[in-house]
Protein backbone atom coordinates (compact mmCIF):
# COMPACT_ATOMS: atom_id res chain seq x y z
CA MET A 1 2.76 -22.86 -17.24
CA LYS A 2 5.51 -20.84 -18.02
CA ILE A 3 5.49 -17.16 -17.68
CA LEU A 4 8.35 -14.99 -18.84
CA ILE A 5 9.20 -11.48 -17.12
CA THR A 6 11.47 -9.43 -18.93
CA GLY A 7 13.03 -6.69 -16.39
CA ALA A 8 12.08 -8.89 -13.16
CA LYS A 9 14.49 -6.99 -10.82
CA GLY A 10 12.90 -3.56 -12.13
CA PHE A 11 10.10 -1.86 -9.41
CA VAL A 12 7.00 -3.73 -11.44
CA GLY A 13 8.74 -6.89 -12.43
CA ARG A 14 9.96 -7.71 -8.24
CA ASN A 15 6.20 -6.56 -7.13
CA LEU A 16 5.25 -9.23 -9.96
CA VAL A 17 7.58 -11.97 -9.32
CA GLU A 18 6.71 -11.96 -5.88
CA SER A 19 3.29 -11.59 -6.11
CA LEU A 20 3.64 -15.00 -8.69
CA LYS A 21 5.16 -16.87 -6.08
CA CYS A 22 2.66 -16.29 -3.57
CA ILE A 23 0.17 -18.01 -6.15
CA ARG A 24 2.66 -20.89 -6.58
CA ASP A 25 3.72 -21.63 -3.14
CA GLY A 26 -0.07 -21.80 -2.12
CA LYS A 27 0.09 -19.31 0.07
CA ASP A 28 -2.34 -16.04 -1.84
CA LYS A 29 -5.73 -17.76 -0.90
CA VAL A 30 -7.46 -15.34 -2.94
CA HIS A 31 -5.79 -14.96 -6.68
CA LYS A 32 -5.53 -18.00 -8.92
CA ILE A 33 -4.59 -18.52 -12.30
CA GLU A 34 -7.54 -20.23 -14.61
CA LYS A 35 -5.34 -22.25 -16.95
CA LEU A 36 -3.38 -24.27 -14.14
CA ASN A 37 -4.78 -27.58 -12.63
CA CYS A 38 -2.62 -27.07 -10.28
CA ALA A 39 -0.50 -23.65 -8.59
CA SER A 40 3.07 -25.43 -8.42
CA ASP A 41 2.60 -25.98 -12.14
CA LEU A 42 3.39 -22.16 -12.18
CA ASP A 43 6.96 -21.83 -13.65
CA ILE A 44 8.38 -18.09 -13.20
CA CYS A 45 11.49 -17.19 -15.83
CA THR A 46 12.74 -13.94 -15.40
CA TYR A 47 15.05 -12.09 -17.30
CA ASP A 48 17.19 -8.47 -16.99
CA VAL A 49 20.33 -6.80 -17.84
CA ASP A 50 22.42 -9.58 -16.23
CA SER A 51 21.11 -12.71 -18.08
CA GLN A 52 22.62 -14.63 -19.72
CA PRO A 53 21.10 -14.36 -24.16
CA GLU A 54 20.43 -18.12 -23.89
CA GLU A 55 17.54 -17.85 -20.60
CA LEU A 56 15.63 -15.64 -23.45
CA GLU A 57 16.10 -18.05 -25.32
CA ASN A 58 14.76 -21.03 -23.31
CA ALA A 59 12.29 -19.17 -22.44
CA CYS A 60 10.83 -17.88 -25.44
CA LYS A 61 10.45 -21.40 -26.35
CA ASP A 62 7.37 -22.30 -24.78
CA CYS A 63 6.63 -19.94 -22.60
CA SER A 64 2.88 -19.32 -22.09
CA PHE A 65 2.46 -15.22 -21.31
CA VAL A 66 5.93 -12.96 -21.58
CA PHE A 67 5.07 -9.60 -19.12
CA ASN A 68 7.61 -7.17 -21.29
CA LEU A 69 8.25 -4.84 -18.58
CA ALA A 70 12.26 -4.23 -19.74
CA GLY A 71 12.96 -0.61 -20.27
CA VAL A 72 14.99 2.28 -19.89
CA ASN A 73 14.66 5.21 -17.82
CA ARG A 74 17.61 7.09 -16.90
CA PRO A 75 20.54 6.76 -19.46
CA LYS A 76 23.61 7.97 -19.62
CA ASP A 77 23.10 9.13 -23.29
CA GLN A 78 19.77 9.78 -24.67
CA THR A 79 20.21 7.35 -27.35
CA GLU A 80 19.84 4.10 -24.95
CA PHE A 81 16.66 5.24 -25.12
CA MET A 82 15.78 3.72 -28.01
CA ALA A 83 18.39 0.74 -27.29
CA GLY A 84 16.49 0.01 -24.12
CA ASN A 85 13.09 0.49 -25.43
CA PHE A 86 12.27 -0.40 -28.74
CA GLY A 87 15.80 -2.77 -29.59
CA PHE A 88 14.67 -4.93 -26.67
CA ALA A 89 11.31 -5.06 -27.60
CA SER A 90 12.61 -5.78 -30.87
CA THR A 91 15.14 -9.16 -30.18
CA LEU A 92 12.44 -9.99 -27.18
CA LEU A 93 9.45 -10.15 -30.88
CA ASN A 94 11.94 -11.83 -32.80
CA THR A 95 12.88 -14.81 -30.67
CA LEU A 96 9.25 -15.41 -29.87
CA ARG A 97 9.31 -15.59 -33.54
CA LYS A 98 11.96 -18.19 -34.16
CA TYR A 99 9.97 -20.54 -32.22
CA ASN A 100 6.70 -19.70 -33.85
CA ASN A 101 5.58 -19.09 -30.51
CA ASN A 102 2.48 -16.66 -30.70
CA CYS A 103 1.99 -16.33 -26.66
CA PRO A 104 0.02 -13.15 -25.78
CA VAL A 105 3.09 -10.71 -24.78
CA MET A 106 2.25 -7.95 -22.59
CA LEU A 107 3.99 -4.34 -22.85
CA SER A 108 4.73 -1.82 -19.97
CA SER A 109 4.86 1.53 -21.72
CA SER A 110 4.36 4.61 -20.71
CA ILE A 111 1.77 7.65 -20.75
CA GLN A 112 4.72 10.10 -21.93
CA ALA A 113 4.08 7.63 -25.80
CA THR A 114 0.76 10.25 -25.39
CA LEU A 115 2.64 13.03 -25.71
CA ILE A 116 4.78 12.78 -28.59
CA GLY A 117 3.92 14.82 -31.32
CA ARG A 118 1.19 17.10 -30.76
CA TYR A 119 2.56 17.49 -26.99
CA GLY A 120 5.99 16.39 -26.93
CA THR A 121 8.96 15.40 -28.67
CA SER A 122 10.90 13.25 -25.53
CA ASP A 123 13.45 10.91 -26.79
CA TYR A 124 12.03 8.11 -23.73
CA GLY A 125 8.32 9.27 -25.26
CA LYS A 126 9.90 8.44 -28.72
CA SER A 127 11.00 5.24 -27.36
CA LYS A 128 7.97 3.95 -26.32
CA LEU A 129 5.93 5.30 -28.86
CA ALA A 130 8.42 2.44 -31.22
CA GLY A 131 8.12 0.16 -29.10
CA GLU A 132 4.63 0.03 -29.31
CA GLU A 133 4.28 0.31 -32.73
CA CYS A 134 6.80 -2.51 -32.58
CA PHE A 135 4.42 -4.65 -30.41
CA PHE A 136 1.55 -3.90 -32.23
CA ASN A 137 3.42 -4.99 -35.97
CA TYR A 138 3.61 -8.18 -34.74
CA SER A 139 0.48 -8.95 -33.66
CA LYS A 140 -1.08 -7.65 -36.86
CA GLU A 141 1.97 -10.49 -38.82
CA THR A 142 1.81 -13.32 -36.43
CA GLY A 143 -1.69 -13.13 -35.06
CA ALA A 144 -0.64 -13.10 -31.01
CA LYS A 145 -2.65 -11.05 -28.74
CA VAL A 146 -0.54 -8.29 -27.70
CA LEU A 147 -1.48 -6.20 -24.54
CA VAL A 148 -0.10 -2.44 -24.45
CA TYR A 149 -0.12 -0.85 -21.36
CA ARG A 150 0.56 3.28 -21.13
CA PHE A 151 1.67 3.94 -17.22
CA PRO A 152 0.85 7.29 -15.50
CA ASN A 153 3.38 8.13 -12.35
CA LEU A 154 3.81 4.60 -10.35
CA PHE A 155 4.23 4.53 -6.44
CA GLY A 156 4.37 1.65 -4.28
CA LYS A 157 7.27 -0.55 -2.30
CA TRP A 158 10.31 -0.96 -3.39
CA CYS A 159 10.44 1.89 -5.74
CA ARG A 160 13.80 3.26 -6.63
CA ALA A 161 13.78 7.31 -4.99
CA ASN A 162 15.89 9.55 -6.58
CA TYR A 163 15.10 7.57 -10.03
CA ASN A 164 11.69 8.11 -12.19
CA SER A 165 9.21 8.68 -9.48
CA VAL A 166 8.11 11.57 -7.08
CA VAL A 167 6.42 9.91 -4.93
CA ALA A 168 9.12 7.53 -3.63
CA THR A 169 11.85 10.52 -3.70
CA PHE A 170 9.48 12.22 -1.31
CA CYS A 171 8.51 9.18 0.43
CA ASN A 172 12.54 8.50 1.04
CA ASN A 173 13.36 12.21 2.00
CA ILE A 174 11.06 13.35 4.55
CA ALA A 175 11.14 9.99 5.97
CA ASN A 176 14.50 10.21 6.06
CA ASP A 177 14.95 14.31 6.91
CA LEU A 178 16.48 14.64 3.86
CA PRO A 179 14.92 18.19 1.65
CA ILE A 180 12.81 18.40 -1.20
CA HIS A 181 11.96 20.05 -3.61
CA VAL A 182 8.60 21.44 -5.11
CA ASN A 183 9.09 23.99 -7.82
CA ASP A 184 4.92 24.37 -8.06
CA ARG A 185 2.68 22.98 -5.65
CA ASN A 186 -0.10 22.91 -8.05
CA THR A 187 1.51 20.34 -10.40
CA LYS A 188 -1.14 18.52 -10.94
CA LEU A 189 -0.32 14.42 -11.27
CA GLU A 190 -1.88 11.11 -12.10
CA LEU A 191 -0.21 8.69 -9.87
CA LEU A 192 -1.07 4.54 -10.57
CA TYR A 193 -0.68 2.37 -7.08
CA ILE A 194 1.82 -0.72 -7.64
CA ASP A 195 -0.69 -3.06 -5.81
CA ASP A 196 -3.66 -1.85 -8.58
CA LEU A 197 -1.38 -2.31 -11.25
CA ILE A 198 -0.43 -6.27 -10.08
CA GLU A 199 -3.89 -7.04 -10.05
CA GLU A 200 -4.54 -5.91 -13.58
CA LEU A 201 -2.13 -8.06 -14.90
CA LEU A 202 -2.80 -11.44 -12.89
CA SER A 203 -6.05 -10.03 -14.55
CA ALA A 204 -4.38 -10.02 -17.73
CA LEU A 205 -3.28 -13.57 -17.00
CA ASN A 206 -6.71 -14.55 -17.28
CA GLY A 207 -7.74 -13.01 -20.02
CA GLU A 208 -9.80 -10.20 -18.32
CA GLU A 209 -7.52 -7.25 -18.81
CA HIS A 210 -9.13 -3.75 -19.19
CA HIS A 211 -9.09 -1.98 -22.46
CA CYS A 212 -8.91 2.03 -23.88
CA GLU A 213 -8.12 4.66 -26.41
CA PHE A 214 -6.67 8.02 -25.71
CA GLU A 215 -8.45 11.20 -26.74
CA GLY A 216 -5.83 13.14 -26.52
CA LEU A 217 -4.49 12.89 -23.00
CA GLU A 218 -7.75 11.18 -21.83
CA THR A 219 -8.30 7.52 -21.38
CA VAL A 220 -11.38 6.38 -22.57
CA LYS A 221 -12.57 3.01 -21.86
CA LYS A 222 -13.29 1.21 -24.33
CA ASN A 223 -14.18 -2.58 -24.68
CA ASN A 224 -12.14 -3.05 -27.88
CA GLY A 225 -9.86 -0.46 -27.08
CA LYS A 226 -6.63 -0.63 -28.88
CA TYR A 227 -4.65 0.05 -25.56
CA CYS A 228 -5.32 -1.53 -22.27
CA PHE A 229 -4.92 0.30 -18.88
CA VAL A 230 -5.64 -0.01 -14.71
CA PRO A 231 -9.39 1.46 -13.84
CA THR A 232 -7.82 3.22 -10.39
CA THR A 233 -5.59 6.20 -11.04
CA TYR A 234 -5.71 8.74 -8.41
CA HIS A 235 -5.53 12.74 -9.24
CA VAL A 236 -3.13 14.89 -6.83
CA THR A 237 -1.11 18.24 -6.69
CA LEU A 238 2.34 18.07 -5.61
CA GLY A 239 1.33 20.62 -2.63
CA GLU A 240 -1.20 17.72 -1.97
CA MET A 241 1.02 14.71 -1.66
CA VAL A 242 3.76 17.27 0.68
CA ASP A 243 1.10 18.21 3.09
CA ILE A 244 -0.46 14.53 3.70
CA LEU A 245 3.62 13.02 3.51
CA ASP A 246 3.99 16.01 6.26
CA ARG A 247 1.06 14.77 8.28
CA PHE A 248 2.51 11.09 8.11
CA LYS A 249 5.76 11.97 9.54
CA SER A 250 4.53 13.68 12.82
CA GLN A 251 2.13 10.40 13.65
CA PRO A 252 4.90 9.47 16.24
CA ARG A 253 5.17 12.63 17.07
CA THR A 254 0.99 13.37 17.76
CA LEU A 255 -0.15 9.89 17.36
CA VAL A 256 -2.98 10.98 15.30
CA MET A 257 -3.54 8.43 12.90
CA PRO A 258 -4.33 10.14 9.71
CA GLU A 259 -8.05 9.41 7.95
CA ILE A 260 -6.76 5.88 5.73
CA PRO A 261 -10.13 5.29 4.21
CA ASN A 262 -10.11 2.11 1.92
CA ASN A 263 -8.96 2.45 -1.98
CA SER A 264 -8.32 5.99 -1.04
CA PHE A 265 -5.08 7.52 -2.17
CA GLU A 266 -3.99 8.20 1.22
CA LYS A 267 -4.01 4.53 2.36
CA LYS A 268 -1.94 3.86 -0.23
CA LEU A 269 0.09 6.35 0.07
CA TYR A 270 1.00 5.82 4.16
CA SER A 271 2.02 2.04 2.93
CA THR A 272 4.78 3.47 0.67
CA TYR A 273 6.02 5.54 2.98
CA LEU A 274 6.16 3.20 5.44
CA SER A 275 8.24 1.17 3.78
CA TYR A 276 11.32 4.13 3.02
CA LEU A 277 11.28 4.60 7.16
CA PRO A 278 14.95 4.06 8.73
CA LYS A 279 16.06 1.42 11.18
CA GLU A 280 15.68 3.97 14.09
CA LYS A 281 12.06 5.43 13.00
CA VAL A 282 10.31 2.11 13.00
CA ALA A 283 10.06 1.81 16.70
CA PHE A 284 9.51 5.56 18.45
CA PRO A 285 8.90 6.16 22.05
CA LEU A 286 5.57 6.55 23.65
CA LYS A 287 5.14 8.99 27.24
CA MET A 288 4.19 6.47 29.52
CA ASN A 289 2.89 8.40 32.47
CA VAL A 290 3.45 6.28 36.08
CA ASP A 291 2.45 7.12 39.60
CA ASP A 292 2.64 4.35 42.36
CA ARG A 293 -0.97 2.88 40.97
CA GLY A 294 0.83 1.63 37.94
CA SER A 295 0.90 3.18 34.42
CA PHE A 296 -1.20 4.94 31.49
CA THR A 297 0.52 5.34 28.32
CA GLU A 298 -1.74 6.95 24.51
CA LEU A 299 -1.32 4.52 22.01
CA MET A 300 -2.87 6.17 19.12
CA LYS A 301 -5.19 9.40 18.19
CA THR A 302 -8.11 10.12 15.38
CA ALA A 303 -9.28 12.83 14.26
CA ARG A 304 -13.30 11.46 14.40
CA CYS A 305 -12.79 8.18 15.84
CA GLY A 306 -11.25 8.54 19.18
CA GLN A 307 -7.94 7.64 20.99
CA VAL A 308 -6.91 4.09 22.20
CA SER A 309 -4.73 3.76 25.46
CA ILE A 310 -3.51 1.15 27.68
CA ASN A 311 -3.50 0.80 31.16
CA ILE A 312 -1.71 -1.11 33.73
CA SER A 313 -3.03 -1.21 37.09
CA LYS A 314 -1.02 -2.96 39.91
CA PRO A 315 -2.23 -5.60 42.16
CA GLY A 316 -4.96 -4.84 44.72
CA ILE A 317 -5.59 -1.00 42.98
CA THR A 318 -8.83 0.80 42.21
CA LYS A 319 -8.63 3.17 39.54
CA GLY A 320 -10.97 5.41 37.62
CA GLN A 321 -13.69 6.35 40.30
CA HIS A 322 -15.61 9.26 37.78
CA TRP A 323 -17.78 9.87 35.78
CA HIS A 324 -19.00 11.69 31.98
CA HIS A 325 -21.05 13.46 30.86
CA SER A 326 -20.76 12.74 26.90
CA LYS A 327 -17.67 10.83 27.06
CA TRP A 328 -18.36 6.44 26.24
CA GLU A 329 -15.28 4.05 26.58
CA ILE A 330 -14.60 0.54 25.91
CA PHE A 331 -12.57 -1.14 28.81
CA ILE A 332 -11.30 -4.73 27.14
CA VAL A 333 -8.83 -6.67 30.12
CA VAL A 334 -5.97 -8.38 27.83
CA SER A 335 -3.69 -9.60 30.85
CA GLY A 336 -4.95 -10.41 34.96
CA HIS A 337 -7.90 -10.49 36.35
CA GLY A 338 -9.90 -7.61 37.62
CA LEU A 339 -13.61 -6.13 38.43
CA ILE A 340 -15.15 -3.39 36.88
CA GLN A 341 -17.87 -1.51 38.66
CA GLU A 342 -20.44 1.45 37.12
CA ARG A 343 -23.06 2.88 38.61
CA LYS A 344 -25.21 5.45 37.35
CA LEU A 345 -25.29 8.40 39.24
CA GLY A 346 -28.81 8.92 41.74
CA SER A 347 -29.08 5.30 42.13
CA ASP A 348 -27.54 2.70 44.30
CA GLU A 349 -27.87 -0.43 41.91
CA ILE A 350 -23.87 -1.64 40.88
CA LEU A 351 -23.20 -3.25 37.90
CA GLU A 352 -20.12 -5.69 38.49
CA PHE A 353 -17.93 -7.41 35.20
CA GLU A 354 -15.63 -9.76 36.33
CA VAL A 355 -12.71 -9.43 33.93
CA SER A 356 -9.76 -11.35 32.74
CA GLY A 357 -7.16 -12.05 30.07
CA ASP A 358 -7.81 -15.82 29.86
CA LYS A 359 -11.62 -14.73 28.62
CA ILE A 360 -11.06 -11.13 26.73
CA GLU A 361 -14.03 -9.17 26.17
CA ALA A 362 -15.21 -5.50 25.57
CA ILE A 363 -16.99 -3.42 28.26
CA HIS A 364 -18.76 -0.28 27.95
CA MET A 365 -18.18 2.48 30.19
CA LEU A 366 -21.04 3.99 29.80
CA PRO A 367 -22.31 7.93 30.05
CA GLY A 368 -23.46 9.56 32.94
CA TYR A 369 -21.97 5.66 35.12
CA THR A 370 -19.43 6.55 37.50
CA HIS A 371 -17.21 3.97 37.53
CA ASN A 372 -13.90 2.52 37.82
CA ILE A 373 -11.91 -1.34 37.51
CA ILE A 374 -10.03 -2.37 40.04
CA ASN A 375 -7.22 -5.43 40.35
CA LEU A 376 -8.20 -8.54 42.44
CA SER A 377 -4.44 -10.20 42.07
CA ASP A 378 -2.68 -10.26 44.93
CA THR A 379 0.62 -10.44 42.58
CA LYS A 380 0.03 -9.56 39.22
CA ASP A 381 -0.40 -6.19 37.29
CA LEU A 382 -3.25 -6.21 35.80
CA VAL A 383 -3.58 -4.54 31.54
CA THR A 384 -5.95 -3.02 30.26
CA VAL A 385 -6.79 -1.85 26.53
CA MET A 386 -8.72 1.75 26.42
CA TRP A 387 -10.81 3.08 24.06
CA ALA A 388 -12.52 6.58 24.07
CA ASN A 389 -14.78 7.95 21.66
CA GLU A 390 -12.98 11.04 21.73
CA GLN A 391 -9.52 12.02 22.22
CA PHE A 392 -8.70 13.65 25.77
CA ASP A 393 -8.91 17.35 25.88
CA GLN A 394 -7.80 19.01 28.78
CA MET A 395 -9.46 21.73 28.55
CA HIS A 396 -12.76 19.80 28.28
CA PRO A 397 -12.00 17.13 29.93
CA ASP A 398 -15.53 15.73 30.64
CA THR A 399 -13.92 13.83 33.65
CA PHE A 400 -15.94 14.35 37.03
CA GLY A 401 -14.52 12.41 40.12
CA GLU A 402 -17.54 10.45 41.89
CA SER A 403 -17.07 6.60 44.11
CA VAL A 404 -18.73 4.05 42.84
């Protein structure tokens, strides 16, 4: 199976190409292309501005699917919009006609095409609308299946900053301590994450695309709709996005990990933000509290799920010897050999747990039980990962000394 991807070096193209390579090379165990007997039979043909015309000819002869992601976003001259977004679409379809290849063809259009006429007159939107009509006419003439997607604002890894994505620009500038400019914090955006887009394109490859119609600026899902769309998008204001990015930037200082629920905008924005970090920010220092017994270092804090720390005890050292009213912890020894003891206040019974990095297990530190951890080795440090159900609060530490 041969797949042609135009605009292969662009933001969407690069993500799609790499995703298809993972399928072809057997690295992706989740996605499959139904028409392939063997994933390695997948032939990925790429075309971009630096490709030779004969490469397009050769690919169009017998390709089984075309993703037309080529387009012009920021030309030096406005006339380049029509040449890049309509002109190349015509060239591509004429080449397919030349070889009587009626394979499915996908077009990457823009929500800006929806604005033409009633809502606006941008040259970019006009060129995208012209490209759409070119594809629809091609389908009527040849019977080929065409999939026209009107994408909103896109974001994700590898998106070019200071080009055509405000998310990419803001992520890049905030990550690199550069200024950003927000004219109106209440400006509303509809955003589409690159991985959700690629998921839809892979579904389209298997004939499982989502169809819709546009009623004004609204996307209405319809099984027989003229257009196609990606089901998952996010609506946020510029101000909300900037506030979230500022929290991401402060994380190495506060150690507080912002909430990033599964499939949330915050989770996807965080992945995007991290992809713009400069080398000097990829690693960040942690404050080690060191004394003659070893060290204690806070690693990560959360607003609702406590914090994680690392404790290192030198040979023969006992740490802890305290209890909590409500706070509870989990100790996980990852290196060394030690003993954890717990005793309920008012009782003489001691619970003992011998622990080792050779057999990693989690031990609860129970509320109302005084507890300690002893390094049983004479030569090796005892390394323990400690999780507490709340962040440490110096004003209300809920920690009271008492020997086990």
